[in-house]
Amino acid sequence: MTISDLRYDEAMKTRVIGATEFKAKCLALLDEINEQGGTITVTKRGRPVATITPARKQKWKSPAGILTGKVKILGDIVNAHIFEDSDMLRRD
């Protein structure tokens, strides 16, 4: 059976646990949520106080075009004569 064969409710586990149990098993539960997904609702005296879900991963953005419209090139950067101006950069 693959994930695509499961119904949405079965693939996305929803658990309700008390705060005491969550405190005792917190790190293991966070690892489980990270690896398997799902949701954990933490209760105190039977009332929900928190919902734990996996963090959304940021989409990777290509750096191509990131400076479009932000940088202005003045002069000829291909045939620039940098050695003529190198005297300005020297510290004596």
N, C-alpha and C. Protein backbone atom coordinates (compact mmCIF):
# COMPACT_ATOMS: atom_id res chain seq x y z
N MET A 1 0.85 -1.17 0.00
CA MET A 1 0.00 0.00 0.00
C MET A 1 0.89 1.24 0.00
N THR A 2 0.61 2.16 -0.88
CA THR A 2 1.38 3.40 -0.94
C THR A 2 0.56 4.53 -0.35
N ILE A 3 1.20 5.67 -0.16
CA ILE A 3 0.51 6.84 0.38
C ILE A 3 -0.65 7.25 -0.52
N SER A 4 -0.47 7.12 -1.83
CA SER A 4 -1.55 7.51 -2.74
C SER A 4 -2.78 6.60 -2.59
N ASP A 5 -2.59 5.38 -2.04
CA ASP A 5 -3.71 4.47 -1.82
C ASP A 5 -4.50 4.82 -0.57
N LEU A 6 -3.91 5.61 0.33
CA LEU A 6 -4.57 5.95 1.58
C LEU A 6 -5.51 7.13 1.41
N ARG A 7 -6.55 7.14 2.20
CA ARG A 7 -7.40 8.32 2.24
C ARG A 7 -6.67 9.43 2.98
N TYR A 8 -7.09 10.66 2.78
CA TYR A 8 -6.43 11.82 3.39
C TYR A 8 -6.37 11.67 4.91
N ASP A 9 -7.45 11.24 5.55
CA ASP A 9 -7.50 11.11 7.00
C ASP A 9 -6.48 10.10 7.52
N GLU A 10 -6.26 9.05 6.73
CA GLU A 10 -5.32 8.03 7.16
C GLU A 10 -3.88 8.48 6.97
N ALA A 11 -3.62 9.23 5.91
CA ALA A 11 -2.25 9.67 5.63
C ALA A 11 -1.83 10.76 6.61
N MET A 12 -2.74 11.65 6.96
CA MET A 12 -2.43 12.74 7.88
C MET A 12 -2.94 12.36 9.26
N LYS A 13 -2.05 11.89 10.11
CA LYS A 13 -2.44 11.46 11.44
C LYS A 13 -2.82 12.66 12.29
N THR A 14 -3.90 12.50 13.05
CA THR A 14 -4.30 13.51 14.00
C THR A 14 -4.36 12.83 15.36
N ARG A 15 -3.60 13.39 16.31
CA ARG A 15 -3.55 12.81 17.64
C ARG A 15 -3.91 13.87 18.66
N VAL A 16 -4.52 13.45 19.74
CA VAL A 16 -4.82 14.33 20.87
C VAL A 16 -4.15 13.71 22.09
N ILE A 17 -3.27 14.51 22.74
CA ILE A 17 -2.59 14.02 23.93
C ILE A 17 -2.62 15.08 25.01
N GLY A 18 -2.49 14.63 26.25
CA GLY A 18 -2.46 15.55 27.37
C GLY A 18 -1.11 16.26 27.48
N ALA A 19 -1.10 17.38 28.17
CA ALA A 19 0.12 18.17 28.32
C ALA A 19 1.21 17.38 29.05
N THR A 20 0.83 16.58 30.03
CA THR A 20 1.82 15.79 30.77
C THR A 20 2.53 14.80 29.86
N GLU A 21 1.76 14.11 29.02
CA GLU A 21 2.35 13.16 28.07
C GLU A 21 3.21 13.90 27.05
N PHE A 22 2.73 15.05 26.57
CA PHE A 22 3.51 15.82 25.61
C PHE A 22 4.84 16.25 26.22
N LYS A 23 4.81 16.67 27.47
CA LYS A 23 6.04 17.10 28.14
C LYS A 23 7.02 15.94 28.24
N ALA A 24 6.53 14.76 28.55
CA ALA A 24 7.40 13.60 28.72
C ALA A 24 7.99 13.10 27.40
N LYS A 25 7.24 13.27 26.30
CA LYS A 25 7.65 12.70 25.02
C LYS A 25 7.89 13.77 23.95
N CYS A 26 8.08 15.00 24.35
CA CYS A 26 8.12 16.14 23.43
C CYS A 26 9.09 15.94 22.26
N LEU A 27 10.34 15.63 22.52
CA LEU A 27 11.33 15.52 21.44
C LEU A 27 11.00 14.39 20.47
N ALA A 28 10.55 13.27 21.00
CA ALA A 28 10.19 12.14 20.14
C ALA A 28 8.98 12.50 19.28
N LEU A 29 8.01 13.19 19.87
CA LEU A 29 6.82 13.59 19.11
C LEU A 29 7.17 14.59 18.01
N LEU A 30 8.07 15.53 18.30
CA LEU A 30 8.49 16.49 17.28
C LEU A 30 9.21 15.79 16.13
N ASP A 31 10.05 14.81 16.45
CA ASP A 31 10.72 14.04 15.40
C ASP A 31 9.70 13.29 14.55
N GLU A 32 8.70 12.72 15.19
CA GLU A 32 7.66 11.98 14.49
C GLU A 32 6.88 12.89 13.53
N ILE A 33 6.51 14.07 14.01
CA ILE A 33 5.78 15.03 13.17
C ILE A 33 6.64 15.46 11.99
N ASN A 34 7.92 15.69 12.23
CA ASN A 34 8.83 16.11 11.16
C ASN A 34 8.97 15.04 10.08
N GLU A 35 9.04 13.79 10.48
CA GLU A 35 9.26 12.70 9.55
C GLU A 35 7.98 12.21 8.87
N GLN A 36 6.90 12.11 9.64
CA GLN A 36 5.68 11.49 9.13
C GLN A 36 4.55 12.47 8.85
N GLY A 37 4.69 13.70 9.32
CA GLY A 37 3.61 14.67 9.16
C GLY A 37 2.52 14.44 10.18
N GLY A 38 1.38 15.03 9.94
CA GLY A 38 0.26 14.89 10.85
C GLY A 38 0.14 16.08 11.78
N THR A 39 -0.74 15.93 12.76
CA THR A 39 -1.02 16.99 13.71
C THR A 39 -1.18 16.40 15.10
N ILE A 40 -0.69 17.12 16.09
CA ILE A 40 -0.90 16.74 17.48
C ILE A 40 -1.59 17.91 18.17
N THR A 41 -2.71 17.62 18.83
CA THR A 41 -3.39 18.62 19.64
C THR A 41 -3.08 18.31 21.09
N VAL A 42 -2.53 19.29 21.79
CA VAL A 42 -2.16 19.13 23.19
C VAL A 42 -3.28 19.72 24.04
N THR A 43 -3.71 18.93 25.04
CA THR A 43 -4.79 19.39 25.90
C THR A 43 -4.33 19.54 27.35
N LYS A 44 -5.00 20.41 28.06
CA LYS A 44 -4.82 20.56 29.51
C LYS A 44 -6.19 20.44 30.13
N ARG A 45 -6.35 19.44 30.98
CA ARG A 45 -7.64 19.15 31.61
C ARG A 45 -8.76 18.99 30.57
N GLY A 46 -8.40 18.35 29.44
CA GLY A 46 -9.38 18.05 28.41
C GLY A 46 -9.66 19.17 27.42
N ARG A 47 -9.06 20.34 27.63
CA ARG A 47 -9.28 21.46 26.72
C ARG A 47 -8.05 21.66 25.83
N PRO A 48 -8.25 21.83 24.53
CA PRO A 48 -7.10 22.04 23.63
C PRO A 48 -6.39 23.36 23.95
N VAL A 49 -5.06 23.29 24.03
CA VAL A 49 -4.27 24.50 24.29
C VAL A 49 -3.24 24.76 23.19
N ALA A 50 -2.90 23.76 22.40
CA ALA A 50 -1.92 23.95 21.34
C ALA A 50 -2.11 22.89 20.27
N THR A 51 -1.73 23.27 19.05
CA THR A 51 -1.73 22.34 17.94
C THR A 51 -0.33 22.33 17.35
N ILE A 52 0.24 21.16 17.23
CA ILE A 52 1.60 21.00 16.70
C ILE A 52 1.49 20.42 15.29
N THR A 53 2.07 21.14 14.31
CA THR A 53 2.09 20.68 12.92
C THR A 53 3.50 20.85 12.38
N PRO A 54 3.84 20.16 11.30
CA PRO A 54 5.17 20.34 10.72
C PRO A 54 5.34 21.77 10.20
N ALA A 55 6.55 22.29 10.32
CA ALA A 55 6.85 23.62 9.77
C ALA A 55 6.88 23.53 8.26
N ARG A 56 6.43 24.58 7.61
CA ARG A 56 6.49 24.61 6.15
C ARG A 56 7.90 24.97 5.74
N LYS A 57 8.39 24.23 4.78
CA LYS A 57 9.73 24.50 4.28
C LYS A 57 9.66 25.62 3.26
N GLN A 58 10.62 26.54 3.36
CA GLN A 58 10.70 27.66 2.42
C GLN A 58 11.05 27.13 1.03
N LYS A 59 10.37 27.65 0.03
CA LYS A 59 10.72 27.29 -1.34
C LYS A 59 12.05 27.93 -1.69
N TRP A 60 12.87 27.18 -2.42
CA TRP A 60 14.16 27.70 -2.83
C TRP A 60 13.93 28.69 -3.96
N LYS A 61 14.52 29.86 -3.82
CA LYS A 61 14.42 30.87 -4.87
C LYS A 61 15.76 31.01 -5.57
N SER A 62 15.71 31.00 -6.87
CA SER A 62 16.92 31.15 -7.66
C SER A 62 17.44 32.58 -7.54
N PRO A 63 18.74 32.75 -7.40
CA PRO A 63 19.28 34.11 -7.33
C PRO A 63 19.26 34.83 -8.67
N ALA A 64 18.94 34.13 -9.73
CA ALA A 64 18.91 34.76 -11.05
C ALA A 64 17.85 35.86 -11.07
N GLY A 65 18.27 37.04 -11.44
CA GLY A 65 17.35 38.16 -11.55
C GLY A 65 17.02 38.86 -10.25
N ILE A 66 17.68 38.47 -9.17
CA ILE A 66 17.36 39.05 -7.86
C ILE A 66 17.68 40.55 -7.78
N LEU A 67 18.66 40.98 -8.57
CA LEU A 67 19.05 42.40 -8.54
C LEU A 67 18.46 43.21 -9.69
N THR A 68 17.57 42.60 -10.46
CA THR A 68 16.96 43.31 -11.58
C THR A 68 16.24 44.55 -11.07
N GLY A 69 16.61 45.69 -11.65
CA GLY A 69 15.99 46.95 -11.27
C GLY A 69 16.59 47.59 -10.03
N LYS A 70 17.54 46.93 -9.38
CA LYS A 70 18.15 47.45 -8.16
C LYS A 70 19.57 47.94 -8.36
N VAL A 71 20.20 47.50 -9.43
CA VAL A 71 21.59 47.84 -9.69
C VAL A 71 21.68 48.60 -11.01
N LYS A 72 22.48 49.63 -11.01
CA LYS A 72 22.68 50.41 -12.23
C LYS A 72 24.16 50.38 -12.57
N ILE A 73 24.47 49.95 -13.78
CA ILE A 73 25.86 49.87 -14.22
C ILE A 73 26.20 51.15 -14.96
N LEU A 74 27.23 51.81 -14.49
CA LEU A 74 27.69 53.05 -15.12
C LEU A 74 29.02 52.79 -15.80
N GLY A 75 29.13 53.12 -17.04
CA GLY A 75 30.38 52.95 -17.76
C GLY A 75 30.53 51.56 -18.35
N ASP A 76 31.70 51.32 -18.87
CA ASP A 76 32.01 50.06 -19.54
C ASP A 76 32.70 49.13 -18.55
N ILE A 77 31.99 48.12 -18.07
CA ILE A 77 32.60 47.22 -17.08
C ILE A 77 33.43 46.12 -17.73
N VAL A 78 33.29 45.93 -19.03
CA VAL A 78 34.05 44.89 -19.72
C VAL A 78 35.44 45.39 -20.06
N ASN A 79 35.53 46.60 -20.58
CA ASN A 79 36.81 47.13 -21.01
C ASN A 79 37.35 48.20 -20.05
N ALA A 80 37.01 48.09 -18.80
CA ALA A 80 37.45 49.09 -17.82
C ALA A 80 38.96 48.96 -17.62
N HIS A 81 39.60 50.07 -17.42
CA HIS A 81 41.04 50.10 -17.19
C HIS A 81 41.29 50.25 -15.69
N ILE A 82 41.23 49.14 -15.00
CA ILE A 82 41.33 49.19 -13.53
C ILE A 82 42.74 49.53 -13.07
N PHE A 83 43.74 49.23 -13.89
CA PHE A 83 45.11 49.48 -13.45
C PHE A 83 45.45 50.97 -13.44
N GLU A 84 44.75 51.75 -14.25
CA GLU A 84 45.00 53.19 -14.26
C GLU A 84 44.52 53.83 -12.96
N ASP A 85 43.48 53.28 -12.36
CA ASP A 85 42.95 53.85 -11.14
C ASP A 85 43.48 53.16 -9.88
N SER A 86 44.39 52.22 -10.04
CA SER A 86 44.87 51.47 -8.89
C SER A 86 45.68 52.33 -7.92
N ASP A 87 46.20 53.49 -8.38
CA ASP A 87 46.94 54.38 -7.48
C ASP A 87 46.03 54.90 -6.38
N MET A 88 44.74 55.01 -6.64
CA MET A 88 43.80 55.50 -5.63
C MET A 88 43.63 54.48 -4.52
N LEU A 89 43.82 53.23 -4.82
CA LEU A 89 43.59 52.17 -3.84
C LEU A 89 44.80 51.90 -2.94
N ARG A 90 45.97 52.36 -3.34
CA ARG A 90 47.18 52.09 -2.56
C ARG A 90 47.23 52.97 -1.32
N ARG A 91 47.71 52.36 -0.26
CA ARG A 91 47.95 53.11 0.97
C ARG A 91 49.46 53.12 1.22
N ASP A 92 50.00 54.23 1.35
CA ASP A 92 51.45 54.32 1.59
C ASP A 92 51.76 54.53 3.05
